[in-house]
Amino acid sequence: MEALSLQGLYKIYKEGEIETVALREASLSVRPGEFVAITGRSGSGKSTLLHLVGGLAAPSAGKVIIHGTDITRLGERERAEFRRNRIGIIYQTDNLIPFLTALENVLLPMQMAGHKDGLKRAHQLLKEVGLSERIDHKPSMLSGGERQRVAIAVALANEPELILADELTGELDSATAGRVMELLGILNASHKLTLVIVTHNKNVAARAGRQVRIADGQLIESEAAYV
């Protein structure tokens, strides 16, 4: 079974009588455990695509199938539950709750999902991302790279089937971005994560096992798709 299948996705935005086609017949298949980078210029539809895959928005037409479930057929509440339990999302800004510690931020999604043994897993995840000594620090006390590593741990909290990342290194310097991407590569291999990132950064995309380009709202396999 494919980890992710996008079938003929369209996303059309309407403002009065003006229609803007953000995605046009976008299709993609991702195997379990693949690390895929989707590249493209600003405004090419990368973030729109990720929002559809993450169930944060509904397409105008087409299907988003994650491990056999067509999330476009789910209601808004069902999509939210599916996203909470089966998808992890890492944003460009770390999206952490500022008044919670690193440990509490990682623990929160597990508590919301009703997991009773979350504390042990939260400690383990922070250890895996190299922050076992920073668990009691709030986001304001962490560097940008450390905050993104906490965000990665948060995304992994509920053992999702799919991890999505939206320009996750966009606000980091090149050295820190490299370390964050190296960590994702390690986690991809050790946890057999299916990972899809969108980025305009060629160096970030080069760390993925496969590259797909988005242009004119369509997905085009890169000539150097497999590395």
C-alpha atoms as a PDB file:
ATOM      1  CA  MET A   1       0.000   0.000   0.000  1.00  0.00           C
ATOM      2  CA  GLU A   2       1.279   3.480  -0.844  1.00  0.00           C
ATOM      3  CA  ALA A   3       1.992   5.761   2.072  1.00  0.00           C
ATOM      4  CA  LEU A   4       0.603   8.705   0.113  1.00  0.00           C
ATOM      5  CA  SER A   5      -1.283   8.942  -3.165  1.00  0.00           C
ATOM      6  CA  LEU A   6      -2.341  12.250  -4.677  1.00  0.00           C
ATOM      7  CA  GLN A   7      -4.756  11.803  -7.539  1.00  0.00           C
ATOM      8  CA  GLY A   8      -5.651  14.684  -9.860  1.00  0.00           C
ATOM      9  CA  LEU A   9      -5.612  17.410  -7.228  1.00  0.00           C
ATOM     10  CA  TYR A  10      -7.016  20.811  -8.061  1.00  0.00           C
ATOM     11  CA  LYS A  11      -7.158  23.805  -5.754  1.00  0.00           C
ATOM     12  CA  ILE A  12      -8.937  26.878  -7.056  1.00  0.00           C
ATOM     13  CA  TYR A  13      -9.255  30.074  -5.059  1.00  0.00           C
ATOM     14  CA  LYS A  14     -12.095  32.461  -5.900  1.00  0.00           C
ATOM     15  CA  GLU A  15     -12.229  36.145  -5.100  1.00  0.00           C
ATOM     16  CA  GLY A  16     -15.304  37.695  -6.608  1.00  0.00           C
ATOM     17  CA  GLU A  17     -15.279  36.739 -10.269  1.00  0.00           C
ATOM     18  CA  ILE A  18     -11.534  36.069 -10.304  1.00  0.00           C
ATOM     19  CA  GLU A  19     -10.321  32.473 -10.085  1.00  0.00           C
ATOM     20  CA  THR A  20      -6.740  31.496  -9.283  1.00  0.00           C
ATOM     21  CA  VAL A  21      -5.677  27.911  -9.959  1.00  0.00           C
ATOM     22  CA  ALA A  22      -3.053  27.029  -7.341  1.00  0.00           C
ATOM     23  CA  LEU A  23      -2.897  23.312  -8.197  1.00  0.00           C
ATOM     24  CA  ARG A  24      -3.821  21.692 -11.493  1.00  0.00           C
ATOM     25  CA  GLU A  25      -4.084  17.893 -11.939  1.00  0.00           C
ATOM     26  CA  ALA A  26      -1.351  17.339  -9.332  1.00  0.00           C
ATOM     27  CA  SER A  27      -0.598  13.644  -8.847  1.00  0.00           C
ATOM     28  CA  LEU A  28       2.069  11.855  -6.815  1.00  0.00           C
ATOM     29  CA  SER A  29       2.757   8.448  -5.274  1.00  0.00           C
ATOM     30  CA  VAL A  30       5.008   8.055  -2.229  1.00  0.00           C
ATOM     31  CA  ARG A  31       6.147   4.676  -0.935  1.00  0.00           C
ATOM     32  CA  PRO A  32       6.346   3.865   2.792  1.00  0.00           C
ATOM     33  CA  GLY A  33       9.656   5.072   4.220  1.00  0.00           C
ATOM     34  CA  GLU A  34      10.451   7.454   1.338  1.00  0.00           C
ATOM     35  CA  PHE A  35      12.005  10.856   1.952  1.00  0.00           C
ATOM     36  CA  VAL A  36      10.608  13.188  -0.718  1.00  0.00           C
ATOM     37  CA  ALA A  37      11.396  16.874  -1.267  1.00  0.00           C
ATOM     38  CA  ILE A  38       8.977  19.030  -3.258  1.00  0.00           C
ATOM     39  CA  THR A  39      10.682  22.096  -4.685  1.00  0.00           C
ATOM     40  CA  GLY A  40       9.459  25.164  -6.511  1.00  0.00           C
ATOM     41  CA  ARG A  41       9.484  28.927  -6.599  1.00  0.00           C
ATOM     42  CA  SER A  42       7.577  31.070  -4.114  1.00  0.00           C
ATOM     43  CA  GLY A  43       3.903  31.056  -5.051  1.00  0.00           C
ATOM     44  CA  SER A  44       4.186  27.823  -7.031  1.00  0.00           C
ATOM     45  CA  GLY A  45       1.706  26.000  -4.779  1.00  0.00           C
ATOM     46  CA  LYS A  46       4.057  24.136  -2.423  1.00  0.00           C
ATOM     47  CA  SER A  47       2.399  25.214   0.809  1.00  0.00           C
ATOM     48  CA  THR A  48      -1.074  24.781  -0.678  1.00  0.00           C
ATOM     49  CA  LEU A  49      -0.177  21.206  -1.563  1.00  0.00           C
ATOM     50  CA  LEU A  50       1.094  20.504   1.948  1.00  0.00           C
ATOM     51  CA  HIS A  51      -2.073  21.942   3.492  1.00  0.00           C
ATOM     52  CA  LEU A  52      -4.183  19.580   1.379  1.00  0.00           C
ATOM     53  CA  VAL A  53      -2.038  16.564   2.264  1.00  0.00           C
ATOM     54  CA  GLY A  54      -2.194  17.499   5.947  1.00  0.00           C
ATOM     55  CA  GLY A  55      -5.964  17.849   5.892  1.00  0.00           C
ATOM     56  CA  LEU A  56      -5.736  21.525   6.782  1.00  0.00           C
ATOM     57  CA  ALA A  57      -7.754  22.399   3.676  1.00  0.00           C
ATOM     58  CA  ALA A  58      -9.925  20.545   1.177  1.00  0.00           C
ATOM     59  CA  PRO A  59      -9.112  20.339  -2.550  1.00  0.00           C
ATOM     60  CA  SER A  60     -11.449  21.685  -5.203  1.00  0.00           C
ATOM     61  CA  ALA A  61     -11.198  18.264  -6.890  1.00  0.00           C
ATOM     62  CA  GLY A  62      -9.109  15.109  -6.623  1.00  0.00           C
ATOM     63  CA  LYS A  63      -8.093  12.741  -3.853  1.00  0.00           C
ATOM     64  CA  VAL A  64      -5.551  12.617  -1.030  1.00  0.00           C
ATOM     65  CA  ILE A  65      -5.119   9.006   0.092  1.00  0.00           C
ATOM     66  CA  ILE A  66      -2.928   8.250   3.121  1.00  0.00           C
ATOM     67  CA  HIS A  67      -2.340   4.564   3.826  1.00  0.00           C
ATOM     68  CA  GLY A  68      -5.609   3.672   2.153  1.00  0.00           C
ATOM     69  CA  THR A  69      -7.762   6.414   3.693  1.00  0.00           C
ATOM     70  CA  ASP A  70      -9.101   9.090   1.344  1.00  0.00           C
ATOM     71  CA  ILE A  71      -9.055  12.071   3.687  1.00  0.00           C
ATOM     72  CA  THR A  72     -10.955  14.211   1.170  1.00  0.00           C
ATOM     73  CA  ARG A  73     -14.032  12.121   2.018  1.00  0.00           C
ATOM     74  CA  LEU A  74     -13.747  12.864   5.731  1.00  0.00           C
ATOM     75  CA  GLY A  75     -15.662  15.603   7.508  1.00  0.00           C
ATOM     76  CA  GLU A  76     -13.766  18.464   9.136  1.00  0.00           C
ATOM     77  CA  ARG A  77     -13.837  16.843  12.589  1.00  0.00           C
ATOM     78  CA  GLU A  78     -12.767  13.464  11.197  1.00  0.00           C
ATOM     79  CA  ARG A  79      -9.913  15.090   9.275  1.00  0.00           C
ATOM     80  CA  ALA A  80      -8.727  16.845  12.438  1.00  0.00           C
ATOM     81  CA  GLU A  81      -8.715  13.549  14.336  1.00  0.00           C
ATOM     82  CA  PHE A  82      -6.905  11.793  11.480  1.00  0.00           C
ATOM     83  CA  ARG A  83      -4.294  14.565  11.358  1.00  0.00           C
ATOM     84  CA  ARG A  84      -3.770  14.478  15.143  1.00  0.00           C
ATOM     85  CA  ASN A  85      -3.253  10.713  15.265  1.00  0.00           C
ATOM     86  CA  ARG A  86      -1.644   9.837  11.928  1.00  0.00           C
ATOM     87  CA  ILE A  87       0.139  12.903  10.517  1.00  0.00           C
ATOM     88  CA  GLY A  88       2.977  14.946  11.991  1.00  0.00           C
ATOM     89  CA  ILE A  89       3.519  18.485  10.683  1.00  0.00           C
ATOM     90  CA  ILE A  90       6.643  20.633  11.113  1.00  0.00           C
ATOM     91  CA  TYR A  91       6.234  24.310  10.238  1.00  0.00           C
ATOM     92  CA  GLN A  92       8.731  26.976   9.178  1.00  0.00           C
ATOM     93  CA  THR A  93       8.290  28.619  12.558  1.00  0.00           C
ATOM     94  CA  ASP A  94       8.545  26.101  15.367  1.00  0.00           C
ATOM     95  CA  ASN A  95       4.870  26.554  16.389  1.00  0.00           C
ATOM     96  CA  LEU A  96       5.644  25.679  20.007  1.00  0.00           C
ATOM     97  CA  ILE A  97       3.519  26.880  22.912  1.00  0.00           C
ATOM     98  CA  PRO A  98       5.695  29.556  24.532  1.00  0.00           C
ATOM     99  CA  PHE A  99       4.658  29.040  28.160  1.00  0.00           C
ATOM    100  CA  LEU A 100       5.289  25.270  28.095  1.00  0.00           C
ATOM    101  CA  THR A 101       8.664  23.579  28.487  1.00  0.00           C
ATOM    102  CA  ALA A 102      10.175  21.434  25.743  1.00  0.00           C
ATOM    103  CA  LEU A 103       8.962  18.322  27.564  1.00  0.00           C
ATOM    104  CA  GLU A 104       5.448  19.700  28.016  1.00  0.00           C
ATOM    105  CA  ASN A 105       5.249  20.689  24.339  1.00  0.00           C
ATOM    106  CA  VAL A 106       6.121  17.133  23.266  1.00  0.00           C
ATOM    107  CA  LEU A 107       3.799  15.600  25.839  1.00  0.00           C
ATOM    108  CA  LEU A 108       0.773  17.735  24.902  1.00  0.00           C
ATOM    109  CA  PRO A 109      -0.244  16.006  21.614  1.00  0.00           C
ATOM    110  CA  MET A 110      -0.062  12.630  23.337  1.00  0.00           C
ATOM    111  CA  GLN A 111      -2.285  13.867  26.151  1.00  0.00           C
ATOM    112  CA  MET A 112      -4.767  15.243  23.610  1.00  0.00           C
ATOM    113  CA  ALA A 113      -4.841  11.845  21.903  1.00  0.00           C
ATOM    114  CA  GLY A 114      -5.503  10.112  25.226  1.00  0.00           C
ATOM    115  CA  HIS A 115      -2.161   8.301  25.568  1.00  0.00           C
ATOM    116  CA  LYS A 116      -1.435   7.542  29.210  1.00  0.00           C
ATOM    117  CA  ASP A 117       2.249   6.602  28.859  1.00  0.00           C
ATOM    118  CA  GLY A 118       3.291   9.755  27.053  1.00  0.00           C
ATOM    119  CA  LEU A 119       5.864  10.988  29.566  1.00  0.00           C
ATOM    120  CA  LYS A 120       8.314   8.163  28.868  1.00  0.00           C
ATOM    121  CA  ARG A 121       7.965   8.634  25.112  1.00  0.00           C
ATOM    122  CA  ALA A 122       8.398  12.417  25.401  1.00  0.00           C
ATOM    123  CA  HIS A 123      11.672  11.920  27.274  1.00  0.00           C
ATOM    124  CA  GLN A 124      12.837   9.392  24.662  1.00  0.00           C
ATOM    125  CA  LEU A 125      11.990  11.661  21.716  1.00  0.00           C
ATOM    126  CA  LEU A 126      13.832  14.621  23.212  1.00  0.00           C
ATOM    127  CA  LYS A 127      16.806  12.351  23.783  1.00  0.00           C
ATOM    128  CA  GLU A 128      16.690  11.261  20.127  1.00  0.00           C
ATOM    129  CA  VAL A 129      16.765  14.864  18.912  1.00  0.00           C
ATOM    130  CA  GLY A 130      19.669  15.652  21.248  1.00  0.00           C
ATOM    131  CA  LEU A 131      17.827  17.740  23.825  1.00  0.00           C
ATOM    132  CA  SER A 132      17.724  15.518  26.892  1.00  0.00           C
ATOM    133  CA  GLU A 133      19.533  18.260  28.821  1.00  0.00           C
ATOM    134  CA  ARG A 134      17.036  20.945  27.747  1.00  0.00           C
ATOM    135  CA  ILE A 135      13.704  19.331  28.613  1.00  0.00           C
ATOM    136  CA  ASP A 136      12.775  21.946  31.226  1.00  0.00           C
ATOM    137  CA  HIS A 137      13.581  24.924  28.998  1.00  0.00           C
ATOM    138  CA  LYS A 138      10.798  27.018  27.487  1.00  0.00           C
ATOM    139  CA  PRO A 139      11.066  27.987  23.777  1.00  0.00           C
ATOM    140  CA  SER A 140      12.418  31.466  24.576  1.00  0.00           C
ATOM    141  CA  MET A 141      15.398  29.821  26.278  1.00  0.00           C
ATOM    142  CA  LEU A 142      16.289  27.697  23.236  1.00  0.00           C
ATOM    143  CA  SER A 143      18.113  28.543  20.009  1.00  0.00           C
ATOM    144  CA  GLY A 144      16.301  28.447  16.662  1.00  0.00           C
ATOM    145  CA  GLY A 145      17.777  25.064  15.826  1.00  0.00           C
ATOM    146  CA  GLU A 146      16.847  23.673  19.244  1.00  0.00           C
ATOM    147  CA  ARG A 147      13.275  24.900  18.850  1.00  0.00           C
ATOM    148  CA  GLN A 148      13.008  23.145  15.487  1.00  0.00           C
ATOM    149  CA  ARG A 149      14.341  19.943  17.049  1.00  0.00           C
ATOM    150  CA  VAL A 150      11.633  20.188  19.711  1.00  0.00           C
ATOM    151  CA  ALA A 151       9.105  20.743  16.894  1.00  0.00           C
ATOM    152  CA  ILE A 152      10.356  17.551  15.227  1.00  0.00           C
ATOM    153  CA  ALA A 153       9.851  15.655  18.492  1.00  0.00           C
ATOM    154  CA  VAL A 154       6.329  17.108  18.753  1.00  0.00           C
ATOM    155  CA  ALA A 155       5.566  15.932  15.201  1.00  0.00           C
ATOM    156  CA  LEU A 156       6.752  12.421  16.095  1.00  0.00           C
ATOM    157  CA  ALA A 157       4.840  12.253  19.379  1.00  0.00           C
ATOM    158  CA  ASN A 158       1.844  10.195  18.244  1.00  0.00           C
ATOM    159  CA  GLU A 159       3.887   7.872  16.001  1.00  0.00           C
ATOM    160  CA  PRO A 160       2.420   9.243  12.754  1.00  0.00           C
ATOM    161  CA  GLU A 161       2.396   7.366   9.467  1.00  0.00           C
ATOM    162  CA  LEU A 162       3.423  10.496   7.582  1.00  0.00           C
ATOM    163  CA  ILE A 163       5.596  13.507   8.471  1.00  0.00           C
ATOM    164  CA  LEU A 164       5.123  16.772   6.547  1.00  0.00           C
ATOM    165  CA  ALA A 165       7.510  19.723   6.768  1.00  0.00           C
ATOM    166  CA  ASP A 166       6.909  23.199   5.351  1.00  0.00           C
ATOM    167  CA  GLU A 167      10.139  25.170   4.762  1.00  0.00           C
ATOM    168  CA  LEU A 168      11.328  23.932   8.148  1.00  0.00           C
ATOM    169  CA  THR A 169      14.805  25.478   7.728  1.00  0.00           C
ATOM    170  CA  GLY A 170      13.573  28.780   6.312  1.00  0.00           C
ATOM    171  CA  GLU A 171      14.469  30.787   9.425  1.00  0.00           C
ATOM    172  CA  LEU A 172      17.736  28.987  10.234  1.00  0.00           C
ATOM    173  CA  ASP A 173      21.314  29.757   9.177  1.00  0.00           C
ATOM    174  CA  SER A 174      22.883  27.288   6.757  1.00  0.00           C
ATOM    175  CA  ALA A 175      24.930  25.410   9.378  1.00  0.00           C
ATOM    176  CA  THR A 176      21.934  24.940  11.692  1.00  0.00           C
ATOM    177  CA  ALA A 177      19.724  23.996   8.741  1.00  0.00           C
ATOM    178  CA  GLY A 178      22.246  21.330   7.789  1.00  0.00           C
ATOM    179  CA  ARG A 179      22.169  19.848  11.286  1.00  0.00           C
ATOM    180  CA  VAL A 180      18.356  19.812  11.336  1.00  0.00           C
ATOM    181  CA  MET A 181      18.227  18.063   7.956  1.00  0.00           C
ATOM    182  CA  GLU A 182      20.853  15.564   9.061  1.00  0.00           C
ATOM    183  CA  LEU A 183      18.677  14.773  12.077  1.00  0.00           C
ATOM    184  CA  LEU A 184      15.632  14.244   9.844  1.00  0.00           C
ATOM    185  CA  GLY A 185      17.654  11.884   7.657  1.00  0.00           C
ATOM    186  CA  ILE A 186      18.679   9.859  10.699  1.00  0.00           C
ATOM    187  CA  LEU A 187      15.090   9.706  11.982  1.00  0.00           C
ATOM    188  CA  ASN A 188      13.840   8.778   8.509  1.00  0.00           C
ATOM    189  CA  ALA A 189      16.213   5.805   8.495  1.00  0.00           C
ATOM    190  CA  SER A 190      15.854   4.711  12.123  1.00  0.00           C
ATOM    191  CA  HIS A 191      12.050   5.011  12.335  1.00  0.00           C
ATOM    192  CA  LYS A 192      11.359   4.204   8.647  1.00  0.00           C
ATOM    193  CA  LEU A 193       9.392   7.442   8.510  1.00  0.00           C
ATOM    194  CA  THR A 194       7.608   8.541   5.380  1.00  0.00           C
ATOM    195  CA  LEU A 195       8.722  12.140   5.071  1.00  0.00           C
ATOM    196  CA  VAL A 196       7.547  14.816   2.622  1.00  0.00           C
ATOM    197  CA  ILE A 197       9.079  18.285   2.792  1.00  0.00           C
ATOM    198  CA  VAL A 198       8.467  21.370   0.703  1.00  0.00           C
ATOM    199  CA  THR A 199      11.363  23.749   0.217  1.00  0.00           C
ATOM    200  CA  HIS A 200      12.816  26.306  -2.168  1.00  0.00           C
ATOM    201  CA  ASN A 201      16.319  25.519  -0.855  1.00  0.00           C
ATOM    202  CA  LYS A 202      18.276  23.264  -3.219  1.00  0.00           C
ATOM    203  CA  ASN A 203      20.732  22.200  -0.506  1.00  0.00           C
ATOM    204  CA  VAL A 204      17.863  21.093   1.733  1.00  0.00           C
ATOM    205  CA  ALA A 205      16.151  19.242  -1.130  1.00  0.00           C
ATOM    206  CA  ALA A 206      19.396  17.453  -2.005  1.00  0.00           C
ATOM    207  CA  ARG A 207      19.281  15.627   1.339  1.00  0.00           C
ATOM    208  CA  ALA A 208      16.065  13.855   0.365  1.00  0.00           C
ATOM    209  CA  GLY A 209      16.068  10.522  -1.425  1.00  0.00           C
ATOM    210  CA  ARG A 210      13.775  11.836  -4.152  1.00  0.00           C
ATOM    211  CA  GLN A 211      12.968  15.246  -5.553  1.00  0.00           C
ATOM    212  CA  VAL A 212       9.755  16.418  -7.190  1.00  0.00           C
ATOM    213  CA  ARG A 213       9.295  19.879  -8.695  1.00  0.00           C
ATOM    214  CA  ILE A 214       6.080  21.867  -8.685  1.00  0.00           C
ATOM    215  CA  ALA A 215       5.511  24.245 -11.592  1.00  0.00           C
ATOM    216  CA  ASP A 216       2.311  25.794 -12.912  1.00  0.00           C
ATOM    217  CA  GLY A 217       0.410  23.882 -10.245  1.00  0.00           C
ATOM    218  CA  GLN A 218       1.631  20.473 -11.447  1.00  0.00           C
ATOM    219  CA  LEU A 219       4.088  17.989  -9.958  1.00  0.00           C
ATOM    220  CA  ILE A 220       7.007  16.981 -12.157  1.00  0.00           C
ATOM    221  CA  GLU A 221       9.505  14.271 -11.263  1.00  0.00           C
ATOM    222  CA  SER A 222      13.035  15.678 -11.093  1.00  0.00           C
ATOM    223  CA  GLU A 223      15.618  14.335 -13.522  1.00  0.00           C
ATOM    224  CA  ALA A 224      17.709  13.551 -10.432  1.00  0.00           C
ATOM    225  CA  ALA A 225      14.766  12.087  -8.558  1.00  0.00           C
ATOM    226  CA  TYR A 226      16.704   9.298  -6.869  1.00  0.00           C
ATOM    227  CA  VAL A 227      20.054   9.908  -5.194  1.00  0.00           C
END
